[in-house]
Amino acid sequence: MKKVLCPTDFSETAHTAIAYAAKLARAMDAELTLLNVQSLFDYTPAEVIRGKDMTIAAAAERLEAQSREVSKAFSISCYS
């Protein structure tokens, strides 16, 4: 089975990359997996320690929603 992995940080540039990866996956008859990547430098140490679970849960929820949206829009298998 062919697979395409596409990292995203939810930026506009990442949305463009996801669309490109989805088109590539469709052309190759492959499945697409989205992977959230974030820099810890965007958070203060206190936010990293106290808000870690909230941050992970929010990112996971957003990634899952984006995966469903991509799957519908491009008629491909898309996972997060």
N, C-alpha and C. Protein backbone atom coordinates (compact mmCIF):
# COMPACT_ATOMS: atom_id res chain seq x y z
N MET A 1 0.84 -1.18 0.00
CA MET A 1 0.00 0.00 0.00
C MET A 1 0.88 1.24 0.00
N LYS A 2 0.51 2.21 -0.80
CA LYS A 2 1.25 3.46 -0.88
C LYS A 2 0.71 4.44 0.16
N LYS A 3 1.62 5.18 0.76
CA LYS A 3 1.23 6.15 1.79
C LYS A 3 1.99 7.45 1.59
N VAL A 4 1.30 8.55 1.89
CA VAL A 4 1.90 9.88 1.85
C VAL A 4 1.76 10.47 3.24
N LEU A 5 2.85 10.98 3.79
CA LEU A 5 2.85 11.62 5.10
C LEU A 5 3.04 13.12 4.91
N CYS A 6 2.15 13.91 5.50
CA CYS A 6 2.23 15.37 5.34
C CYS A 6 2.19 16.03 6.71
N PRO A 7 3.28 16.70 7.11
CA PRO A 7 3.26 17.43 8.38
C PRO A 7 2.49 18.73 8.24
N THR A 8 1.87 19.17 9.33
CA THR A 8 1.14 20.43 9.33
C THR A 8 1.29 21.13 10.67
N ASP A 9 1.37 22.45 10.61
CA ASP A 9 1.35 23.26 11.82
C ASP A 9 0.11 24.16 11.82
N PHE A 10 -0.83 23.84 10.92
CA PHE A 10 -2.10 24.55 10.76
C PHE A 10 -1.94 25.95 10.17
N SER A 11 -0.79 26.26 9.59
CA SER A 11 -0.59 27.56 8.96
C SER A 11 -1.16 27.54 7.54
N GLU A 12 -1.23 28.72 6.92
CA GLU A 12 -1.72 28.79 5.54
C GLU A 12 -0.79 28.03 4.60
N THR A 13 0.50 28.11 4.85
CA THR A 13 1.46 27.37 4.03
C THR A 13 1.22 25.87 4.15
N ALA A 14 0.93 25.41 5.35
CA ALA A 14 0.65 23.99 5.57
C ALA A 14 -0.63 23.56 4.86
N HIS A 15 -1.64 24.44 4.81
CA HIS A 15 -2.88 24.11 4.10
C HIS A 15 -2.59 23.89 2.61
N THR A 16 -1.71 24.70 2.06
CA THR A 16 -1.31 24.53 0.66
C THR A 16 -0.59 23.20 0.47
N ALA A 17 0.28 22.87 1.41
CA ALA A 17 1.02 21.61 1.34
C ALA A 17 0.08 20.41 1.45
N ILE A 18 -0.94 20.52 2.30
CA ILE A 18 -1.90 19.43 2.46
C ILE A 18 -2.68 19.22 1.16
N ALA A 19 -3.09 20.30 0.52
CA ALA A 19 -3.80 20.18 -0.75
C ALA A 19 -2.91 19.50 -1.80
N TYR A 20 -1.66 19.89 -1.85
CA TYR A 20 -0.71 19.27 -2.78
C TYR A 20 -0.55 17.78 -2.47
N ALA A 21 -0.37 17.46 -1.18
CA ALA A 21 -0.19 16.06 -0.77
C ALA A 21 -1.45 15.25 -1.07
N ALA A 22 -2.62 15.84 -0.89
CA ALA A 22 -3.87 15.14 -1.18
C ALA A 22 -4.00 14.84 -2.67
N LYS A 23 -3.64 15.80 -3.50
CA LYS A 23 -3.67 15.57 -4.95
C LYS A 23 -2.68 14.50 -5.35
N LEU A 24 -1.51 14.51 -4.74
CA LEU A 24 -0.50 13.49 -5.00
C LEU A 24 -1.00 12.11 -4.58
N ALA A 25 -1.60 12.04 -3.39
CA ALA A 25 -2.12 10.76 -2.89
C ALA A 25 -3.22 10.23 -3.82
N ARG A 26 -4.08 11.12 -4.28
CA ARG A 26 -5.15 10.70 -5.20
C ARG A 26 -4.56 10.18 -6.50
N ALA A 27 -3.57 10.88 -7.06
CA ALA A 27 -2.94 10.46 -8.31
C ALA A 27 -2.21 9.13 -8.18
N MET A 28 -1.64 8.88 -6.99
CA MET A 28 -0.89 7.64 -6.75
C MET A 28 -1.76 6.53 -6.19
N ASP A 29 -3.04 6.83 -5.97
CA ASP A 29 -3.95 5.87 -5.32
C ASP A 29 -3.36 5.44 -3.97
N ALA A 30 -2.97 6.45 -3.20
CA ALA A 30 -2.34 6.22 -1.90
C ALA A 30 -3.21 6.82 -0.80
N GLU A 31 -2.91 6.45 0.43
CA GLU A 31 -3.60 7.08 1.56
C GLU A 31 -2.71 8.19 2.11
N LEU A 32 -3.36 9.20 2.67
CA LEU A 32 -2.66 10.35 3.21
C LEU A 32 -2.77 10.36 4.72
N THR A 33 -1.67 10.62 5.39
CA THR A 33 -1.67 10.76 6.84
C THR A 33 -1.15 12.15 7.18
N LEU A 34 -1.92 12.89 7.98
CA LEU A 34 -1.52 14.21 8.43
C LEU A 34 -0.88 14.08 9.81
N LEU A 35 0.21 14.80 9.99
CA LEU A 35 0.96 14.77 11.23
C LEU A 35 1.13 16.20 11.72
N ASN A 36 0.68 16.48 12.94
CA ASN A 36 0.83 17.82 13.49
C ASN A 36 2.21 17.99 14.08
N VAL A 37 2.87 19.06 13.70
CA VAL A 37 4.17 19.41 14.24
C VAL A 37 4.09 20.84 14.78
N GLN A 38 4.61 21.03 15.98
CA GLN A 38 4.60 22.35 16.59
C GLN A 38 5.93 22.57 17.31
N SER A 39 6.34 23.80 17.30
CA SER A 39 7.56 24.17 17.99
C SER A 39 7.25 24.47 19.45
N LEU A 40 8.03 23.93 20.34
CA LEU A 40 7.87 24.24 21.75
C LEU A 40 8.29 25.68 22.05
N PHE A 41 9.00 26.30 21.13
CA PHE A 41 9.42 27.68 21.33
C PHE A 41 8.25 28.66 21.25
N ASP A 42 7.10 28.19 20.75
CA ASP A 42 5.91 29.03 20.68
C ASP A 42 5.22 29.14 22.04
N TYR A 43 5.64 28.35 23.01
CA TYR A 43 4.99 28.31 24.32
C TYR A 43 5.99 28.66 25.42
N THR A 44 5.48 29.23 26.50
CA THR A 44 6.33 29.47 27.67
C THR A 44 6.52 28.15 28.39
N PRO A 45 7.55 28.02 29.22
CA PRO A 45 7.74 26.78 29.98
C PRO A 45 6.51 26.42 30.82
N ALA A 46 5.86 27.41 31.42
CA ALA A 46 4.67 27.14 32.24
C ALA A 46 3.54 26.57 31.39
N GLU A 47 3.36 27.11 30.18
CA GLU A 47 2.32 26.60 29.29
C GLU A 47 2.61 25.17 28.86
N VAL A 48 3.88 24.88 28.65
CA VAL A 48 4.25 23.52 28.24
C VAL A 48 3.95 22.54 29.36
N ILE A 49 4.28 22.90 30.59
CA ILE A 49 4.08 22.00 31.73
C ILE A 49 2.61 21.89 32.10
N ARG A 50 1.93 23.01 32.29
CA ARG A 50 0.53 23.00 32.74
C ARG A 50 -0.46 22.68 31.64
N GLY A 51 -0.20 23.17 30.44
CA GLY A 51 -1.18 23.04 29.39
C GLY A 51 -0.91 21.94 28.39
N LYS A 52 0.01 21.06 28.70
CA LYS A 52 0.41 20.02 27.76
C LYS A 52 -0.77 19.17 27.30
N ASP A 53 -1.58 18.68 28.23
CA ASP A 53 -2.71 17.82 27.87
C ASP A 53 -3.74 18.59 27.05
N MET A 54 -4.01 19.85 27.43
CA MET A 54 -4.97 20.65 26.70
C MET A 54 -4.47 20.93 25.28
N THR A 55 -3.20 21.22 25.16
CA THR A 55 -2.62 21.51 23.86
C THR A 55 -2.68 20.29 22.96
N ILE A 56 -2.32 19.15 23.50
CA ILE A 56 -2.34 17.91 22.72
C ILE A 56 -3.76 17.56 22.31
N ALA A 57 -4.70 17.67 23.23
CA ALA A 57 -6.09 17.33 22.93
C ALA A 57 -6.66 18.27 21.87
N ALA A 58 -6.39 19.55 21.98
CA ALA A 58 -6.90 20.53 21.02
C ALA A 58 -6.29 20.28 19.63
N ALA A 59 -4.99 20.01 19.59
CA ALA A 59 -4.33 19.75 18.32
C ALA A 59 -4.86 18.47 17.69
N ALA A 60 -5.06 17.44 18.50
CA ALA A 60 -5.58 16.17 17.99
C ALA A 60 -6.98 16.34 17.41
N GLU A 61 -7.80 17.11 18.10
CA GLU A 61 -9.17 17.36 17.62
C GLU A 61 -9.15 18.14 16.31
N ARG A 62 -8.32 19.15 16.25
CA ARG A 62 -8.23 19.96 15.04
C ARG A 62 -7.67 19.14 13.87
N LEU A 63 -6.69 18.29 14.15
CA LEU A 63 -6.10 17.45 13.12
C LEU A 63 -7.11 16.44 12.59
N GLU A 64 -7.88 15.86 13.48
CA GLU A 64 -8.91 14.90 13.08
C GLU A 64 -9.96 15.57 12.18
N ALA A 65 -10.38 16.77 12.55
CA ALA A 65 -11.35 17.51 11.74
C ALA A 65 -10.78 17.82 10.37
N GLN A 66 -9.52 18.22 10.34
CA GLN A 66 -8.88 18.53 9.06
C GLN A 66 -8.76 17.28 8.20
N SER A 67 -8.48 16.17 8.83
CA SER A 67 -8.37 14.90 8.12
C SER A 67 -9.70 14.52 7.47
N ARG A 68 -10.79 14.68 8.21
CA ARG A 68 -12.12 14.39 7.64
C ARG A 68 -12.43 15.31 6.47
N GLU A 69 -12.10 16.57 6.63
CA GLU A 69 -12.35 17.56 5.58
C GLU A 69 -11.57 17.23 4.30
N VAL A 70 -10.32 16.87 4.45
CA VAL A 70 -9.48 16.51 3.30
C VAL A 70 -10.01 15.24 2.63
N SER A 71 -10.41 14.29 3.44
CA SER A 71 -10.94 13.04 2.90
C SER A 71 -12.17 13.29 2.03
N LYS A 72 -13.06 14.14 2.50
CA LYS A 72 -14.26 14.48 1.73
C LYS A 72 -13.93 15.29 0.48
N ALA A 73 -13.10 16.31 0.64
CA ALA A 73 -12.81 17.22 -0.46
C ALA A 73 -12.06 16.56 -1.63
N PHE A 74 -11.18 15.61 -1.29
CA PHE A 74 -10.35 15.00 -2.33
C PHE A 74 -10.70 13.55 -2.62
N SER A 75 -11.70 13.02 -1.94
CA SER A 75 -12.15 11.63 -2.13
C SER A 75 -10.98 10.65 -1.99
N ILE A 76 -10.26 10.79 -0.87
CA ILE A 76 -9.14 9.90 -0.58
C ILE A 76 -9.25 9.44 0.87
N SER A 77 -8.48 8.41 1.20
CA SER A 77 -8.36 8.00 2.59
C SER A 77 -7.36 8.92 3.27
N CYS A 78 -7.80 9.61 4.32
CA CYS A 78 -6.93 10.55 5.01
C CYS A 78 -7.04 10.30 6.50
N TYR A 79 -5.90 10.13 7.15
CA TYR A 79 -5.85 9.82 8.57
C TYR A 79 -5.03 10.86 9.31
N SER A 80 -5.17 10.88 10.62
CA SER A 80 -4.38 11.80 11.44
C SER A 80 -3.63 11.02 12.50
